[in-house]
């Protein structure tokens, strides 16, 4: 049973007489454990809701449009606690965090419900056969952190004795028509080379229900004392990994009509190679995993620039970015300056002193690194930063400083831009919405 915290006024549940404080027992005879049960069984047009009120069982019959929400609200989004990760992965970024940061940054979730609802990746080690059966019954597509299909190596990499045997769930899900997006965090000397070939071959055998795969390089901070000895990819190692992935792309494209597996942008940056053309990323299925972000940004920006007209006077802006996106941001800034001579862009490459120089992505830049490295620099009319430097839907950086703190320290107005090329050009040009 789950406590109903409140009722949305005017909702089907409100009209039926269900009240805040009732305990939800079942919907159409099915016990309700969490949000997945609630959403799945409440989707019908005819719904019988059983609740308990002050020790008395009450039954309510509700007629509604299909998929309309009943209007019940609970203490938490999931209707219970998030499932935390039971692994101790050798590459885990959270284990490489410095002490003293806000508590939420240290929580590792490994919750299949969040995979369906929010796109999170799960390792399957928290799951039981009944959990898998429920996913199959509800036809829920999920995202899986595979890392390797070698059972012994998976146990070693994830430091969980069940990690290898839980690989069977991938096969069960795929064989029952569940669509899976997969990711592999690639670590030199562990799951690269022949082990990567094995993983891609094994997952490829489950197509078309393996809908996409992303291969991303391990990220290492300076806070790795006492952790498994890992190294970052060399230029040669990154190039070899790209060659492996692009070989499988050609094979899958010929056999299935889709490339399916993609290397993250970071591999191309490390290898010093040009990004593939936009069509090679197909529909960008692994965009949120850093696959094709920069290619998409370039193509969108150049398309927007081709259509843009300058209506303002002289303008000078500065752009702060990580090492990995610096060359791309500089290229786009130069293109904008060439079209609009009244525009001047300063692009600043921010070294990650907080986490260590091996961390090069913009999303992990802290406010204190921005302040330290931009103080005294020519910043112009506005400072542009990527919105992924901030906590979602907030103005808070990873080190808990806020946008106004940085504005005050640098004496400049900050403007955030998403990874959309059109919005990035608007930000450079100072176009307000």
Protein backbone atom coordinates (compact mmCIF):
# COMPACT_ATOMS: atom_id res chain seq x y z
CA UNK A 1 0.00 0.00 0.00
CA UNK A 2 1.13 3.53 -0.82
CA UNK A 3 0.06 6.69 1.01
CA UNK A 4 -1.79 9.19 -1.19
CA UNK A 5 -0.35 12.58 -0.30
CA UNK A 6 -2.82 14.76 -2.22
CA UNK A 7 -5.45 14.76 -4.95
CA UNK A 8 -5.34 17.02 -8.01
CA UNK A 9 -8.51 19.16 -7.90
CA UNK A 10 -10.98 18.28 -10.63
CA UNK A 11 -9.18 15.03 -11.51
CA UNK A 12 -11.00 11.68 -11.97
CA UNK A 13 -9.88 10.62 -8.48
CA UNK A 14 -11.17 13.87 -6.98
CA UNK A 15 -14.53 13.48 -8.66
CA UNK A 16 -14.77 9.87 -7.50
CA UNK A 17 -14.20 10.82 -3.86
CA UNK A 18 -10.70 9.48 -3.20
CA UNK A 19 -9.04 11.63 -0.54
CA UNK A 20 -5.59 12.64 0.63
CA UNK A 21 -4.44 10.31 3.40
CA UNK A 22 -6.02 7.23 1.80
CA UNK A 23 -3.77 4.23 1.25
CA UNK A 24 -3.73 3.00 -2.34
CA UNK A 25 -4.12 -0.79 -2.29
CA UNK A 26 -4.81 -1.89 -5.85
CA UNK A 27 -5.94 -0.82 -9.32
CA UNK A 28 -8.07 -3.26 -11.30
CA UNK A 29 -7.09 -5.95 -8.81
CA UNK A 30 -3.35 -5.43 -9.17
CA UNK A 31 -1.28 -4.49 -6.12
CA UNK A 32 0.60 -1.21 -6.52
CA UNK A 33 4.26 -1.12 -5.50
CA UNK A 34 5.53 1.95 -7.31
CA UNK A 35 5.03 4.42 -10.14
CA UNK A 36 5.41 1.80 -12.89
CA UNK A 37 2.53 -0.28 -11.52
CA UNK A 38 0.49 2.89 -11.04
CA UNK A 39 1.04 4.20 -14.57
CA UNK A 40 0.55 0.83 -16.24
CA UNK A 41 -2.61 -0.34 -14.49
CA UNK A 42 -4.22 3.11 -14.38
CA UNK A 43 -3.93 3.61 -18.14
CA UNK A 44 -7.24 1.88 -18.92
CA UNK A 45 -10.50 3.76 -19.55
CA UNK A 46 -12.35 1.77 -16.87
CA UNK A 47 -10.51 1.62 -13.54
CA UNK A 48 -11.42 0.09 -10.18
CA UNK A 49 -9.40 1.68 -7.39
CA UNK A 50 -9.22 0.07 -3.94
CA UNK A 51 -8.04 2.21 -1.02
CA UNK A 52 -7.92 1.90 2.74
CA UNK A 53 -9.24 4.82 4.81
CA UNK A 54 -8.84 4.71 8.57
CA UNK A 55 -8.82 0.90 8.52
CA UNK A 56 -11.82 0.57 6.18
CA UNK A 57 -11.51 -0.75 2.61
CA UNK A 58 -13.23 1.43 -0.01
CA UNK A 59 -13.77 0.68 -3.68
CA UNK A 60 -14.09 3.37 -6.38
CA UNK A 61 -15.01 2.86 -10.01
CA UNK A 62 -13.67 5.49 -12.42
CA UNK A 63 -14.40 6.01 -16.11
CA UNK A 64 -11.90 8.22 -17.93
CA UNK A 65 -10.08 8.70 -21.22
CA UNK A 66 -7.31 6.23 -21.94
CA UNK A 67 -3.94 7.23 -20.39
CA UNK A 68 -5.49 10.15 -18.49
CA UNK A 69 -3.91 10.37 -15.06
CA UNK A 70 -6.11 9.49 -12.10
CA UNK A 71 -4.88 12.56 -10.24
CA UNK A 72 -3.22 10.89 -7.26
CA UNK A 73 -0.04 12.43 -5.86
CA UNK A 74 2.48 10.69 -3.61
CA UNK A 75 5.38 11.60 -1.35
CA UNK A 76 7.97 10.76 -4.02
CA UNK A 77 7.93 10.60 -7.80
CA UNK A 78 8.71 6.87 -7.72
CA UNK A 79 6.24 6.29 -4.85
CA UNK A 80 9.13 4.78 -2.90
CA UNK A 81 12.92 5.23 -2.54
CA UNK A 82 15.37 5.21 -5.43
CA UNK A 83 17.38 2.02 -5.76
CA UNK A 84 21.05 2.70 -5.12
CA UNK A 85 23.86 1.04 -7.01
CA UNK A 86 25.29 -2.15 -5.52
CA UNK A 87 28.40 -2.12 -7.73
CA UNK A 88 31.87 -0.76 -7.10
CA UNK A 89 32.85 -0.16 -10.71
CA UNK A 90 36.55 0.46 -11.24
CA UNK A 91 35.71 3.47 -13.45
CA UNK A 92 32.89 4.97 -11.35
CA UNK A 93 33.05 8.76 -11.53
CA UNK A 94 31.31 9.26 -8.20
CA UNK A 95 34.08 7.35 -6.43
CA UNK A 96 36.48 9.93 -7.91
CA UNK A 97 34.69 12.93 -6.43
CA UNK A 98 36.42 15.11 -3.85
CA UNK A 99 35.03 15.19 -0.30
CA UNK A 100 32.87 18.02 0.97
CA UNK A 101 30.46 18.40 -1.94
CA UNK A 102 26.67 18.34 -1.58
CA UNK A 103 25.30 14.97 -0.53
CA UNK A 104 23.18 14.38 -3.64
CA UNK A 105 26.29 14.29 -5.84
CA UNK A 106 27.47 11.12 -4.10
CA UNK A 107 24.27 9.12 -4.63
CA UNK A 108 24.57 6.33 -7.22
CA UNK A 109 21.25 5.28 -8.62
CA UNK A 110 20.77 2.01 -10.46
CA UNK A 111 17.02 2.00 -10.86
CA UNK A 112 15.30 0.39 -13.84
CA UNK A 113 12.25 2.60 -13.29
CA UNK A 114 14.35 5.71 -13.87
CA UNK A 115 15.68 4.11 -17.04
CA UNK A 116 12.17 4.01 -18.47
CA UNK A 117 11.01 7.31 -17.01
CA UNK A 118 14.10 9.51 -17.33
CA UNK A 119 16.52 7.68 -19.61
CA UNK A 120 19.00 6.66 -16.89
CA UNK A 121 21.27 3.70 -17.57
CA UNK A 122 21.13 0.62 -15.34
CA UNK A 123 23.52 -2.29 -14.88
CA UNK A 124 20.78 -4.90 -14.15
CA UNK A 125 22.62 -6.09 -11.02
CA UNK A 126 19.81 -4.78 -8.79
CA UNK A 127 17.19 -6.66 -10.77
CA UNK A 128 15.49 -9.97 -10.05
CA UNK A 129 13.69 -12.27 -12.45
CA UNK A 130 10.37 -10.81 -11.33
CA UNK A 131 11.63 -7.33 -12.25
CA UNK A 132 12.56 -8.58 -15.72
CA UNK A 133 9.18 -10.28 -16.08
CA UNK A 134 7.45 -7.01 -15.20
CA UNK A 135 9.43 -5.07 -17.82
CA UNK A 136 8.47 -7.67 -20.42
CA UNK A 137 4.80 -7.60 -19.38
CA UNK A 138 4.68 -3.80 -19.51
CA UNK A 139 6.77 -3.65 -22.70
CA UNK A 140 9.12 -1.05 -21.22
CA UNK A 141 12.19 -0.11 -23.25
CA UNK A 142 15.26 0.52 -21.09
CA UNK A 143 18.87 1.69 -21.21
CA UNK A 144 21.57 -0.72 -20.06
CA UNK A 145 25.15 -0.15 -18.94
CA UNK A 146 26.76 -3.25 -20.38
CA UNK A 147 30.50 -2.40 -20.41
CA UNK A 148 31.40 -5.95 -21.44
CA UNK A 149 29.63 -9.17 -22.39
CA UNK A 150 32.45 -11.24 -20.89
CA UNK A 151 30.93 -12.46 -17.58
CA UNK A 152 34.23 -12.80 -15.73
CA UNK A 153 35.47 -9.42 -16.91
CA UNK A 154 32.16 -7.78 -15.99
CA UNK A 155 32.52 -9.11 -12.42
CA UNK A 156 36.05 -7.71 -12.29
CA UNK A 157 35.10 -4.30 -13.70
CA UNK A 158 31.98 -3.85 -11.59
CA UNK A 159 33.23 -5.61 -8.46
CA UNK A 160 29.89 -7.36 -8.09
CA UNK A 161 29.83 -11.16 -8.07
CA UNK A 162 26.41 -11.15 -9.75
CA UNK A 163 27.40 -8.81 -12.60
CA UNK A 164 28.29 -11.62 -14.99
CA UNK A 165 25.25 -13.80 -14.50
CA UNK A 166 22.90 -10.79 -14.80
CA UNK A 167 23.97 -10.48 -18.46
CA UNK A 168 21.32 -13.15 -19.12
CA UNK A 169 18.67 -10.49 -18.57
CA UNK A 170 19.86 -8.60 -21.65
CA UNK A 171 19.18 -11.66 -23.76
CA UNK A 172 15.80 -12.33 -22.10
CA UNK A 173 14.66 -8.76 -22.63
CA UNK A 174 15.80 -8.61 -26.25
CA UNK A 175 14.32 -12.00 -27.09
CA UNK A 176 10.97 -10.80 -25.73
CA UNK A 177 10.91 -7.72 -27.93
CA UNK A 178 12.17 -5.14 -25.42
CA UNK A 179 14.19 -2.40 -27.12
CA UNK A 180 17.53 -1.72 -25.44
CA UNK A 181 19.93 1.21 -25.72
CA UNK A 182 23.33 0.13 -24.44
CA UNK A 183 26.49 1.88 -23.32
CA UNK A 184 30.06 0.73 -22.82
CA UNK A 185 32.47 2.76 -20.72
CA UNK A 186 35.72 1.76 -22.37
CA UNK A 187 38.84 1.41 -20.20
CA UNK A 188 42.28 0.89 -21.78
CA UNK A 189 43.66 -2.54 -21.02
CA UNK A 190 40.35 -3.89 -19.71
CA UNK A 191 37.44 -3.88 -22.13
CA UNK A 192 38.96 -2.30 -25.23
CA UNK A 193 40.52 -4.08 -28.22
CA UNK A 194 39.40 -7.70 -28.59
CA UNK A 195 37.11 -7.46 -25.57
CA UNK A 196 35.30 -4.54 -27.23
CA UNK A 197 34.99 -6.58 -30.43
CA UNK A 198 33.46 -9.43 -28.42
CA UNK A 199 30.93 -7.12 -26.74
CA UNK A 200 29.84 -5.49 -29.99
CA UNK A 201 29.56 -8.86 -31.70
CA UNK A 202 27.48 -10.33 -28.86
CA UNK A 203 25.15 -7.33 -28.66
CA UNK A 204 24.89 -7.18 -32.44
CA UNK A 205 23.50 -10.73 -32.41
CA UNK A 206 20.44 -9.35 -30.57
CA UNK A 207 19.57 -6.74 -33.20
CA UNK A 208 17.13 -5.26 -34.06
CA UNK A 209 16.15 -5.17 -30.36
CA UNK A 210 19.50 -3.61 -29.50
CA UNK A 211 18.55 -0.24 -30.97
CA UNK A 212 21.77 1.66 -30.24
CA UNK A 213 25.14 1.34 -28.53
CA UNK A 214 27.46 4.10 -27.33
CA UNK A 215 31.13 3.56 -26.55
CA UNK A 216 32.56 6.30 -24.33
CA UNK A 217 36.09 6.63 -22.89
CA UNK A 218 36.64 6.38 -19.16
CA UNK A 219 36.90 9.71 -17.35
CA UNK A 220 39.53 9.97 -14.64
CA UNK A 221 39.79 12.74 -12.04
CA UNK A 222 42.77 13.53 -9.81
CA UNK A 223 40.97 11.97 -6.83
CA UNK A 224 41.80 8.30 -7.46
CA UNK A 225 43.90 7.42 -4.46
CA UNK A 226 43.31 3.79 -3.49
CA UNK A 227 41.26 3.04 -6.61
CA UNK A 228 41.92 0.58 -9.43
CA UNK A 229 44.86 1.74 -11.59
CA UNK A 230 43.35 3.05 -14.83
CA UNK A 231 44.81 5.16 -17.60
CA UNK A 232 43.22 7.50 -20.12
CA UNK A 233 43.19 6.76 -23.84
CA UNK A 234 46.20 7.73 -25.91
CA UNK A 235 45.78 9.17 -29.40
CA UNK A 236 46.68 5.77 -30.86
CA UNK A 237 44.33 3.89 -28.54
CA UNK A 238 41.44 6.21 -29.36
CA UNK A 239 42.11 5.79 -33.09
CA UNK A 240 42.12 1.99 -32.74
CA UNK A 241 38.82 2.11 -30.85
CA UNK A 242 37.23 4.28 -33.55
CA UNK A 243 38.45 1.86 -36.21
CA UNK A 244 36.84 -1.07 -34.35
CA UNK A 245 33.54 0.79 -33.98
CA UNK A 246 33.45 2.02 -37.57
CA UNK A 247 34.19 -1.53 -38.75
CA UNK A 248 31.12 -2.78 -36.91
CA UNK A 249 29.11 0.17 -38.25
CA UNK A 250 29.82 -0.96 -41.80
CA UNK A 251 28.93 -4.55 -40.93
CA UNK A 252 25.68 -3.63 -39.18
CA UNK A 253 24.69 -1.15 -41.88
CA UNK A 254 25.04 -3.78 -44.57
CA UNK A 255 23.26 -6.46 -42.56
CA UNK A 256 20.56 -4.48 -40.72
CA UNK A 257 20.36 -1.12 -42.47
CA UNK A 258 21.57 0.79 -39.41
CA UNK A 259 25.00 1.51 -37.88
CA UNK A 260 23.70 0.94 -34.32
CA UNK A 261 27.04 1.49 -32.54
CA UNK A 262 28.66 4.90 -32.19
CA UNK A 263 31.84 6.33 -30.68
CA UNK A 264 31.48 9.33 -28.41
CA UNK A 265 32.78 12.71 -29.58
CA UNK A 266 35.63 12.46 -27.10
CA UNK A 267 37.21 9.56 -28.97
CA UNK A 268 37.44 11.68 -32.13
CA UNK A 269 38.90 14.58 -30.16
CA UNK A 270 41.54 12.39 -28.50
CA UNK A 271 42.42 10.77 -31.83
CA UNK A 272 42.58 14.14 -33.59
CA UNK A 273 40.07 13.03 -36.21
CA UNK A 274 37.24 14.91 -37.84
CA UNK A 275 33.75 14.02 -36.67
CA UNK A 276 31.73 11.90 -39.09
CA UNK A 277 29.09 13.72 -41.16
CA UNK A 278 25.69 14.24 -39.59
CA UNK A 279 24.04 11.40 -41.52
CA UNK A 280 26.50 8.93 -39.98
CA UNK A 281 24.85 9.56 -36.60
CA UNK A 282 21.47 8.61 -38.09
CA UNK A 283 18.85 10.03 -35.67
CA UNK A 284 21.41 10.76 -32.91
CA UNK A 285 20.06 7.98 -30.62
CA UNK A 286 22.96 8.38 -28.18
CA UNK A 287 23.12 12.18 -28.15
CA UNK A 288 22.81 12.41 -24.36
CA UNK A 289 25.83 10.12 -24.07
CA UNK A 290 28.00 12.66 -25.87
CA UNK A 291 27.65 10.98 -29.25
CA UNK A 292 27.29 13.47 -32.09
CA UNK A 293 26.78 16.51 -29.86
CA UNK A 294 29.53 18.53 -31.49
CA UNK A 295 28.64 17.45 -35.02
CA UNK A 296 25.04 18.44 -34.39
CA UNK A 297 26.16 21.76 -32.89
CA UNK A 298 28.34 22.55 -35.91
CA UNK A 299 25.67 21.68 -38.47
CA UNK A 300 22.91 23.58 -36.67
CA UNK A 301 25.11 26.61 -36.07
CA UNK A 302 26.20 26.85 -39.70
CA UNK A 303 22.60 26.45 -40.86
CA UNK A 304 21.49 29.22 -38.49
CA UNK A 305 24.40 31.45 -39.52
CA UNK A 306 23.51 31.07 -43.18
CA UNK A 307 20.04 32.49 -42.47
CA UNK A 308 21.03 35.09 -39.86
CA UNK A 309 21.01 38.86 -40.36
CA UNK A 310 22.79 41.37 -38.12
CA UNK A 311 20.55 44.05 -36.65
CA UNK A 312 22.65 45.28 -33.74
CA UNK A 313 25.68 47.51 -33.36
CA UNK A 314 29.12 46.44 -32.23
CA UNK A 315 29.13 43.54 -29.77
CA UNK A 316 31.87 41.68 -27.93
CA UNK A 317 31.19 38.38 -26.17
CA UNK A 318 33.33 35.81 -24.43
CA UNK A 319 32.74 32.07 -24.52
CA UNK A 320 34.01 29.76 -21.76
CA UNK A 321 34.32 26.10 -22.63
CA UNK A 322 36.21 22.96 -21.71
CA UNK A 323 39.27 21.70 -23.55
CA UNK A 324 37.27 19.12 -25.52
CA UNK A 325 34.88 21.63 -27.13
CA UNK A 326 37.40 24.48 -27.47
CA UNK A 327 38.35 23.87 -31.10
CA UNK A 328 34.71 23.57 -32.14
CA UNK A 329 33.64 26.70 -30.25
CA UNK A 330 36.58 28.62 -31.75
CA UNK A 331 35.68 27.47 -35.25
CA UNK A 332 32.09 28.60 -34.86
CA UNK A 333 33.09 31.93 -33.32
CA UNK A 334 35.40 32.67 -36.26
CA UNK A 335 32.61 31.83 -38.72
CA UNK A 336 30.28 34.28 -36.95
CA UNK A 337 32.96 37.01 -36.94
CA UNK A 338 33.62 36.53 -40.64
CA UNK A 339 29.96 37.04 -41.49
CA UNK A 340 29.42 39.90 -39.05
CA UNK A 341 32.51 42.18 -38.76
CA UNK A 342 30.80 44.14 -35.96
CA UNK A 343 30.94 41.01 -33.79
CA UNK A 344 33.97 40.04 -31.71
CA UNK A 345 34.24 36.73 -29.86
CA UNK A 346 36.81 35.72 -27.24
CA UNK A 347 36.86 31.96 -26.69
CA UNK A 348 38.50 30.86 -23.43
CA UNK A 349 39.58 27.29 -22.77
CA UNK A 350 38.99 26.47 -19.10
CA UNK A 351 41.39 23.99 -17.54
CA UNK A 352 39.70 21.74 -14.99
CA UNK A 353 41.77 22.34 -11.87
CA UNK A 354 38.93 21.18 -9.63
CA UNK A 355 38.70 17.58 -10.92
CA UNK A 356 42.05 17.45 -12.73
CA UNK A 357 43.31 18.27 -16.20
CA UNK A 358 42.24 14.91 -17.63
CA UNK A 359 38.61 16.03 -17.28
CA UNK A 360 38.00 18.12 -20.39
CA UNK A 361 34.22 18.33 -20.85
CA UNK A 362 32.37 21.60 -20.32
CA UNK A 363 29.71 20.02 -18.11
CA UNK A 364 32.21 19.45 -15.28
CA UNK A 365 33.62 22.99 -15.14
CA UNK A 366 33.13 24.62 -11.75
CA UNK A 367 32.44 28.22 -10.85
CA UNK A 368 35.74 28.56 -9.02
CA UNK A 369 37.71 27.50 -12.11
CA UNK A 370 35.75 30.00 -14.21
CA UNK A 371 36.51 32.80 -11.76
CA UNK A 372 40.18 31.95 -11.32
CA UNK A 373 40.93 31.65 -15.03
CA UNK A 374 38.77 34.48 -16.39
CA UNK A 375 39.50 37.17 -13.80
CA UNK A 376 41.26 40.06 -15.50
CA UNK A 377 40.52 38.78 -19.02
CA UNK A 378 38.74 40.79 -21.69
CA UNK A 379 35.15 39.52 -21.45
CA UNK A 380 33.16 42.08 -23.41
CA UNK A 381 29.41 42.54 -23.05
CA UNK A 382 28.45 39.02 -21.93
CA UNK A 383 30.03 35.74 -20.87
CA UNK A 384 28.46 32.69 -22.51
CA UNK A 385 28.57 29.31 -20.79
CA UNK A 386 26.97 25.97 -21.57
CA UNK A 387 23.85 25.24 -19.54
CA UNK A 388 25.21 21.79 -18.73
CA UNK A 389 27.68 23.44 -16.32
CA UNK A 390 24.69 23.99 -14.04
CA UNK A 391 22.49 21.62 -12.08
CA UNK A 392 19.34 20.89 -14.08
CA UNK A 393 16.73 23.66 -13.87
CA UNK A 394 18.91 25.77 -11.58
CA UNK A 395 21.76 28.30 -11.54
CA UNK A 396 24.00 26.16 -9.29
CA UNK A 397 27.45 24.94 -10.37
CA UNK A 398 28.96 21.66 -9.16
CA UNK A 399 30.88 23.48 -6.43
CA UNK A 400 27.62 25.01 -5.13
CA UNK A 401 28.43 28.55 -6.26
CA UNK A 402 25.68 30.23 -8.28
CA UNK A 403 25.62 32.23 -11.48
CA UNK A 404 25.25 35.55 -9.55
CA UNK A 405 28.39 34.66 -7.57
CA UNK A 406 30.40 34.34 -10.78
CA UNK A 407 28.84 37.47 -12.26
CA UNK A 408 29.82 39.45 -9.17
CA UNK A 409 33.36 38.06 -9.11
CA UNK A 410 33.98 38.77 -12.81
CA UNK A 411 31.86 41.87 -13.21
CA UNK A 412 30.09 40.46 -16.26
CA UNK A 413 26.59 39.28 -17.13
CA UNK A 414 26.43 35.53 -17.77
CA UNK A 415 24.20 33.96 -20.37
CA UNK A 416 23.66 30.22 -20.63
CA UNK A 417 23.15 28.39 -23.87
CA UNK A 418 21.97 24.87 -24.52
CA UNK A 419 23.80 22.59 -26.93
CA UNK A 420 21.50 23.68 -29.77
CA UNK A 421 23.41 25.44 -32.56
CA UNK A 422 20.58 27.88 -33.26
CA UNK A 423 20.42 28.98 -29.63
CA UNK A 424 24.20 29.25 -29.47
CA UNK A 425 24.25 31.69 -32.40
CA UNK A 426 21.41 33.69 -30.84
CA UNK A 427 23.44 33.93 -27.63
CA UNK A 428 26.53 35.12 -29.49
CA UNK A 429 24.50 37.73 -31.36
CA UNK A 430 22.70 38.86 -28.20
CA UNK A 431 19.23 37.99 -29.48
CA UNK A 432 16.71 37.93 -26.65
CA UNK A 433 13.57 35.82 -26.62
